[in-house]
Amino acid sequence: MTAGSDNESSAVTHSAVWALERLAHQRYGRDAPSLNWSVAQDLLKAGLVSVPRPGRGGVSITLAGQDFLHAGAEL
C-alpha cells in the first residue's frame, strides 16, 4: 500500500505546477494567489508547500518545492 502512496505524491497536476510557479513569483506588496482546494491538496501531498497553523498566513514553498521548481527550470 505504501507504493501507491509514493506514486500519488510524485504525480503533480499541471494546475498544481502552475500554481507553484505563481507562488514563487510573488511581487512585493501583493498577496499570494489563492489556491483552490484540490490544487492545494496536490501541492501538500507532494510536499511542495507547507501550511502554517490556522490564522498564520498563506502557504509557503518548502525546500522540496524549490528543488522541484529549479529542476523544471533546467529542463
Protein backbone atom coordinates (compact mmCIF):
# COMPACT_ATOMS: atom_id res chain seq x y z
CA MET A 1 0.00 0.00 0.00
CA THR A 2 2.86 2.41 0.55
CA ALA A 3 3.91 2.07 -3.08
CA GLY A 4 0.56 3.58 -4.12
CA SER A 5 1.08 6.48 -1.75
CA ASP A 6 4.50 7.15 -3.23
CA ASN A 7 3.04 7.22 -6.74
CA GLU A 8 0.32 9.64 -5.68
CA SER A 9 2.78 12.06 -4.12
CA SER A 10 5.09 12.01 -7.12
CA ALA A 11 2.31 12.87 -9.61
CA VAL A 12 1.63 16.60 -9.58
CA THR A 13 -1.07 18.05 -11.81
CA HIS A 14 -0.34 20.74 -14.37
CA SER A 15 -2.56 23.11 -12.38
CA ALA A 16 -0.52 22.47 -9.23
CA VAL A 17 2.76 23.14 -11.05
CA TRP A 18 1.34 26.37 -12.48
CA ALA A 19 0.16 27.45 -9.01
CA LEU A 20 3.57 26.65 -7.51
CA GLU A 21 5.24 28.81 -10.16
CA ARG A 22 2.84 31.68 -9.36
CA LEU A 23 3.60 31.34 -5.65
CA ALA A 24 7.32 31.55 -6.40
CA HIS A 25 6.92 34.79 -8.37
CA GLN A 26 5.11 36.94 -5.83
CA ARG A 27 5.65 40.63 -6.12
CA TYR A 28 6.41 42.92 -3.22
CA GLY A 29 3.28 44.20 -1.50
CA ARG A 30 0.93 41.71 -3.12
CA ASP A 31 -0.77 38.76 -1.51
CA ALA A 32 -0.09 35.22 -2.61
CA PRO A 33 -2.55 33.93 -5.17
CA SER A 34 -5.41 31.93 -3.72
CA LEU A 35 -5.35 28.21 -4.40
CA ASN A 36 -8.42 26.08 -4.91
CA TRP A 37 -8.76 23.14 -2.55
CA SER A 38 -7.73 20.39 -4.98
CA VAL A 39 -4.59 22.24 -6.13
CA ALA A 40 -3.60 22.97 -2.54
CA GLN A 41 -4.08 19.30 -1.67
CA ASP A 42 -1.93 18.20 -4.63
CA LEU A 43 0.88 20.50 -3.52
CA LEU A 44 0.58 19.48 0.14
CA LYS A 45 0.54 15.74 -0.64
CA ALA A 46 3.62 16.14 -2.83
CA GLY A 47 5.38 18.04 -0.03
CA LEU A 48 5.98 21.08 -2.23
CA VAL A 49 4.25 23.55 0.10
CA SER A 50 3.50 23.78 3.80
CA VAL A 51 0.62 25.42 5.60
CA PRO A 52 1.16 27.23 8.88
CA ARG A 53 -1.18 26.95 11.82
CA PRO A 54 -4.62 28.46 11.25
CA GLY A 55 -4.59 32.24 11.26
CA ARG A 56 -0.86 32.48 10.48
CA GLY A 57 -0.91 33.41 6.79
CA GLY A 58 -0.74 31.58 3.50
CA VAL A 59 1.18 28.63 2.16
CA SER A 60 4.97 28.53 1.97
CA ILE A 61 7.09 26.75 -0.60
CA THR A 62 9.19 24.01 1.01
CA LEU A 63 12.78 23.12 0.10
CA ALA A 64 11.37 20.23 -1.95
CA GLY A 65 9.16 22.72 -3.78
CA GLN A 66 12.13 24.96 -4.51
CA ASP A 67 14.11 21.98 -5.80
CA PHE A 68 11.14 20.99 -7.98
CA LEU A 69 10.99 24.47 -9.48
CA HIS A 70 14.75 24.59 -10.11
CA ALA A 71 14.67 21.15 -11.76
CA GLY A 72 11.84 22.30 -14.04
CA ALA A 73 13.73 25.45 -14.97
CA GLU A 74 16.74 23.38 -16.04
CA LEU A 75 14.72 21.20 -18.45
